[in-house]
């Protein structure tokens, strides 16, 4: 069953955030490829993570149509570790 439409900055499936939050030892980075318009990077709160959150990157690519905002924004991310920060997107760094 397809997901209902959501703004691109939202994650619609709770399992994407609750799974890393349930880990006793949090990772620096959590990468998934859940295909819907919730692409991009998000911070997931975790009390034992450095800085209090885990960087979650939904690497799915979702294009509504050619030339859409999604096509521009849903590009690969470059993540710098161990800081767990996004330092580039698509061809931009």
N, C-alpha and C. Protein backbone atom coordinates (compact mmCIF):
# COMPACT_ATOMS: atom_id res chain seq x y z
N UNK A 1 0.84 -1.18 0.00
CA UNK A 1 0.00 0.00 0.00
C UNK A 1 0.88 1.24 0.00
N UNK A 2 0.70 2.16 -0.92
CA UNK A 2 1.55 3.35 -0.98
C UNK A 2 1.30 4.27 0.21
N UNK A 3 2.36 5.01 0.56
CA UNK A 3 2.25 5.98 1.64
C UNK A 3 1.48 7.21 1.16
N UNK A 4 0.74 7.86 2.04
CA UNK A 4 0.11 9.12 1.66
C UNK A 4 1.18 10.19 1.46
N UNK A 5 0.90 11.22 0.67
CA UNK A 5 1.92 12.25 0.44
C UNK A 5 2.24 13.02 1.72
N UNK A 6 3.52 13.37 1.89
CA UNK A 6 4.00 14.15 3.02
C UNK A 6 4.97 15.20 2.50
N UNK A 7 5.16 16.29 3.22
CA UNK A 7 6.21 17.24 2.82
C UNK A 7 7.56 16.55 2.84
N UNK A 8 8.50 16.95 1.98
CA UNK A 8 9.78 16.25 1.88
C UNK A 8 10.61 16.23 3.15
N UNK A 9 10.37 17.10 4.09
CA UNK A 9 11.19 17.14 5.29
C UNK A 9 10.69 16.20 6.38
N UNK A 10 9.59 15.49 6.15
CA UNK A 10 9.04 14.61 7.16
C UNK A 10 9.40 13.16 6.88
N UNK A 11 9.47 12.38 7.96
CA UNK A 11 9.63 10.93 7.83
C UNK A 11 8.29 10.34 8.22
N UNK A 12 7.66 9.58 7.34
CA UNK A 12 6.30 9.13 7.63
C UNK A 12 6.24 7.81 8.38
N UNK A 13 7.29 7.02 8.38
CA UNK A 13 7.23 5.71 9.01
C UNK A 13 7.96 5.74 10.34
N UNK A 14 7.25 5.47 11.41
CA UNK A 14 7.84 5.57 12.74
C UNK A 14 8.98 4.59 12.95
N UNK A 15 8.96 3.45 12.27
CA UNK A 15 10.04 2.46 12.44
C UNK A 15 11.39 3.02 12.02
N UNK A 16 11.40 3.97 11.11
CA UNK A 16 12.67 4.57 10.66
C UNK A 16 13.34 5.31 11.81
N UNK A 17 12.56 5.91 12.70
CA UNK A 17 13.15 6.63 13.83
C UNK A 17 13.20 5.79 15.11
N UNK A 18 12.19 4.95 15.33
CA UNK A 18 12.17 4.19 16.59
C UNK A 18 13.21 3.08 16.64
N UNK A 19 13.58 2.52 15.51
CA UNK A 19 14.57 1.45 15.50
C UNK A 19 15.93 1.94 16.02
N UNK A 20 16.50 3.02 15.48
CA UNK A 20 17.79 3.47 16.05
C UNK A 20 17.65 4.01 17.47
N UNK A 21 16.49 4.56 17.81
CA UNK A 21 16.28 5.07 19.17
C UNK A 21 16.26 3.93 20.19
N UNK A 22 15.88 2.73 19.78
CA UNK A 22 15.78 1.59 20.69
C UNK A 22 17.13 0.94 20.97
N UNK A 23 18.15 1.28 20.22
CA UNK A 23 19.47 0.67 20.41
C UNK A 23 20.14 1.20 21.68
N UNK A 24 20.71 0.28 22.46
CA UNK A 24 21.41 0.68 23.67
C UNK A 24 22.65 1.50 23.32
N UNK A 25 23.42 1.03 22.35
CA UNK A 25 24.61 1.74 21.88
C UNK A 25 24.27 2.39 20.54
N UNK A 26 24.04 3.70 20.52
CA UNK A 26 23.60 4.34 19.28
C UNK A 26 24.73 4.44 18.25
N UNK A 27 24.41 4.30 16.97
CA UNK A 27 25.40 4.51 15.92
C UNK A 27 25.60 6.01 15.69
N UNK A 28 26.70 6.36 15.04
CA UNK A 28 26.90 7.75 14.63
C UNK A 28 26.00 8.11 13.46
N UNK A 29 25.75 7.10 12.62
CA UNK A 29 25.01 7.33 11.37
C UNK A 29 24.07 6.16 11.14
N UNK A 30 22.85 6.46 10.72
CA UNK A 30 21.84 5.44 10.39
C UNK A 30 21.40 5.75 8.97
N UNK A 31 21.62 4.82 8.05
CA UNK A 31 21.28 5.04 6.65
C UNK A 31 20.18 4.08 6.25
N UNK A 32 19.16 4.59 5.60
CA UNK A 32 18.09 3.74 5.09
C UNK A 32 17.77 4.17 3.66
N UNK A 33 16.96 3.40 3.01
CA UNK A 33 16.55 3.71 1.64
C UNK A 33 15.06 3.55 1.50
N UNK A 34 14.33 4.12 2.45
CA UNK A 34 12.87 4.01 2.44
C UNK A 34 12.34 4.92 1.34
N UNK A 35 11.71 4.33 0.34
CA UNK A 35 11.35 5.09 -0.85
C UNK A 35 10.02 5.81 -0.67
N UNK A 36 10.10 7.05 -0.40
CA UNK A 36 8.98 7.99 -0.42
C UNK A 36 9.57 9.38 -0.32
N UNK A 37 8.76 10.37 -0.25
CA UNK A 37 9.26 11.74 -0.30
C UNK A 37 9.93 12.21 0.98
N UNK A 38 10.17 11.34 1.95
CA UNK A 38 10.87 11.70 3.18
C UNK A 38 12.37 11.54 3.06
N UNK A 39 12.93 11.75 1.88
CA UNK A 39 14.37 11.64 1.65
C UNK A 39 15.12 12.72 2.43
N UNK A 40 16.43 12.56 2.48
CA UNK A 40 17.27 13.59 3.07
C UNK A 40 17.82 13.20 4.43
N UNK A 41 18.34 14.20 5.13
CA UNK A 41 18.93 13.93 6.43
C UNK A 41 18.04 14.48 7.54
N UNK A 42 18.06 13.77 8.64
CA UNK A 42 17.22 14.10 9.79
C UNK A 42 18.02 13.79 11.05
N UNK A 43 17.72 14.45 12.13
CA UNK A 43 18.34 14.16 13.43
C UNK A 43 17.33 13.43 14.28
N UNK A 44 17.72 12.25 14.79
CA UNK A 44 16.85 11.41 15.62
C UNK A 44 17.35 11.51 17.06
N UNK A 45 16.54 11.99 17.98
CA UNK A 45 16.99 12.12 19.36
C UNK A 45 17.37 10.77 19.98
N UNK A 46 18.49 10.77 20.70
CA UNK A 46 18.92 9.58 21.44
C UNK A 46 19.76 10.07 22.61
N UNK A 47 19.39 9.71 23.84
CA UNK A 47 20.09 10.26 25.01
C UNK A 47 21.56 9.86 25.13
N UNK A 48 21.97 8.75 24.52
CA UNK A 48 23.36 8.31 24.63
C UNK A 48 24.18 8.61 23.39
N UNK A 49 23.61 9.28 22.42
CA UNK A 49 24.34 9.63 21.19
C UNK A 49 25.15 10.91 21.41
N UNK A 50 26.31 11.02 20.77
CA UNK A 50 27.07 12.27 20.86
C UNK A 50 26.20 13.44 20.38
N UNK A 51 26.11 14.46 21.17
CA UNK A 51 25.27 15.61 20.81
C UNK A 51 23.80 15.37 21.02
N UNK A 52 23.43 14.18 21.53
CA UNK A 52 22.03 13.90 21.83
C UNK A 52 21.18 13.43 20.67
N UNK A 53 21.82 13.16 19.50
CA UNK A 53 21.02 12.69 18.37
C UNK A 53 21.86 11.87 17.40
N UNK A 54 21.17 11.05 16.62
CA UNK A 54 21.78 10.22 15.58
C UNK A 54 21.46 10.87 14.24
N UNK A 55 22.46 10.94 13.35
CA UNK A 55 22.20 11.43 12.00
C UNK A 55 21.56 10.30 11.21
N UNK A 56 20.35 10.52 10.72
CA UNK A 56 19.64 9.55 9.89
C UNK A 56 19.62 10.10 8.46
N UNK A 57 20.11 9.31 7.53
CA UNK A 57 20.08 9.70 6.11
C UNK A 57 19.18 8.73 5.38
N UNK A 58 18.07 9.25 4.87
CA UNK A 58 17.19 8.45 4.01
C UNK A 58 17.69 8.68 2.59
N UNK A 59 18.38 7.69 2.07
CA UNK A 59 19.03 7.85 0.77
C UNK A 59 18.14 7.50 -0.41
N UNK A 60 16.86 7.30 -0.16
CA UNK A 60 15.94 7.01 -1.25
C UNK A 60 15.83 8.21 -2.19
N UNK A 61 15.62 7.94 -3.44
CA UNK A 61 15.43 8.99 -4.43
C UNK A 61 13.98 8.96 -4.86
N UNK A 62 13.34 10.09 -4.76
CA UNK A 62 11.91 10.19 -5.06
C UNK A 62 11.70 11.42 -5.92
N UNK A 63 11.26 11.23 -7.15
CA UNK A 63 10.99 12.35 -8.05
C UNK A 63 9.52 12.36 -8.40
N UNK A 64 8.88 13.48 -8.14
CA UNK A 64 7.48 13.63 -8.52
C UNK A 64 7.38 13.80 -10.02
N UNK A 65 8.26 14.58 -10.57
CA UNK A 65 8.26 14.81 -12.01
C UNK A 65 9.53 15.51 -12.41
N UNK A 66 9.86 15.47 -13.66
CA UNK A 66 11.09 16.09 -14.14
C UNK A 66 11.08 17.58 -13.81
N UNK A 67 12.18 18.03 -13.23
CA UNK A 67 12.30 19.43 -12.87
C UNK A 67 11.64 19.78 -11.55
N UNK A 68 11.16 18.78 -10.83
CA UNK A 68 10.50 19.05 -9.55
C UNK A 68 11.53 19.42 -8.48
N UNK A 69 11.06 20.01 -7.40
CA UNK A 69 11.92 20.33 -6.26
C UNK A 69 12.57 19.05 -5.72
N UNK A 70 11.83 17.94 -5.75
CA UNK A 70 12.37 16.67 -5.27
C UNK A 70 13.58 16.24 -6.08
N UNK A 71 13.53 16.45 -7.39
CA UNK A 71 14.64 16.04 -8.24
C UNK A 71 15.91 16.81 -7.88
N UNK A 72 15.77 18.05 -7.48
CA UNK A 72 16.92 18.86 -7.10
C UNK A 72 17.40 18.50 -5.71
N UNK A 73 16.48 18.31 -4.76
CA UNK A 73 16.85 18.10 -3.37
C UNK A 73 17.16 16.66 -3.00
N UNK A 74 16.62 15.70 -3.72
CA UNK A 74 16.83 14.28 -3.39
C UNK A 74 18.08 13.77 -4.08
N UNK A 75 19.20 14.32 -3.71
CA UNK A 75 20.48 13.95 -4.30
C UNK A 75 21.35 13.27 -3.25
N UNK A 76 22.38 12.54 -3.67
CA UNK A 76 23.26 11.86 -2.72
C UNK A 76 23.87 12.84 -1.72
N UNK A 77 24.07 12.36 -0.50
CA UNK A 77 24.69 13.15 0.55
C UNK A 77 26.11 12.66 0.80
N UNK A 78 27.00 13.57 1.16
CA UNK A 78 28.35 13.24 1.60
C UNK A 78 28.38 13.50 3.08
N UNK A 79 28.70 12.46 3.87
CA UNK A 79 28.69 12.57 5.33
C UNK A 79 30.11 12.44 5.84
N UNK A 80 30.49 13.39 6.69
CA UNK A 80 31.81 13.36 7.31
C UNK A 80 31.71 12.67 8.67
N UNK A 81 32.53 11.63 8.86
CA UNK A 81 32.58 10.91 10.13
C UNK A 81 33.93 11.14 10.78
N UNK A 82 34.08 11.15 12.07
CA UNK A 82 33.11 10.75 13.07
C UNK A 82 32.15 11.85 13.50
N UNK A 83 32.22 13.02 12.90
CA UNK A 83 31.35 14.12 13.31
C UNK A 83 29.89 13.88 12.97
N UNK A 84 29.62 13.02 11.99
CA UNK A 84 28.26 12.72 11.52
C UNK A 84 27.54 13.98 11.07
N UNK A 85 28.17 14.70 10.16
CA UNK A 85 27.56 15.90 9.58
C UNK A 85 27.56 15.77 8.06
N UNK A 86 26.51 16.29 7.43
CA UNK A 86 26.42 16.29 5.97
C UNK A 86 27.26 17.45 5.47
N UNK A 87 28.25 17.15 4.62
CA UNK A 87 29.16 18.19 4.12
C UNK A 87 28.96 18.45 2.63
N UNK A 88 28.11 17.70 1.98
CA UNK A 88 27.87 17.93 0.56
C UNK A 88 26.61 17.21 0.12
N UNK A 89 26.05 17.72 -0.97
CA UNK A 89 24.82 17.12 -1.53
C UNK A 89 24.89 17.21 -3.03
N UNK A 90 24.66 16.06 -3.69
CA UNK A 90 24.75 16.03 -5.15
C UNK A 90 26.16 16.40 -5.57
N UNK A 91 26.30 17.34 -6.45
CA UNK A 91 27.63 17.81 -6.88
C UNK A 91 28.15 18.96 -6.06
N UNK A 92 27.39 19.40 -5.04
CA UNK A 92 27.80 20.57 -4.23
C UNK A 92 28.47 20.11 -2.95
N UNK A 93 29.62 20.71 -2.65
CA UNK A 93 30.32 20.42 -1.38
C UNK A 93 30.88 21.70 -0.81
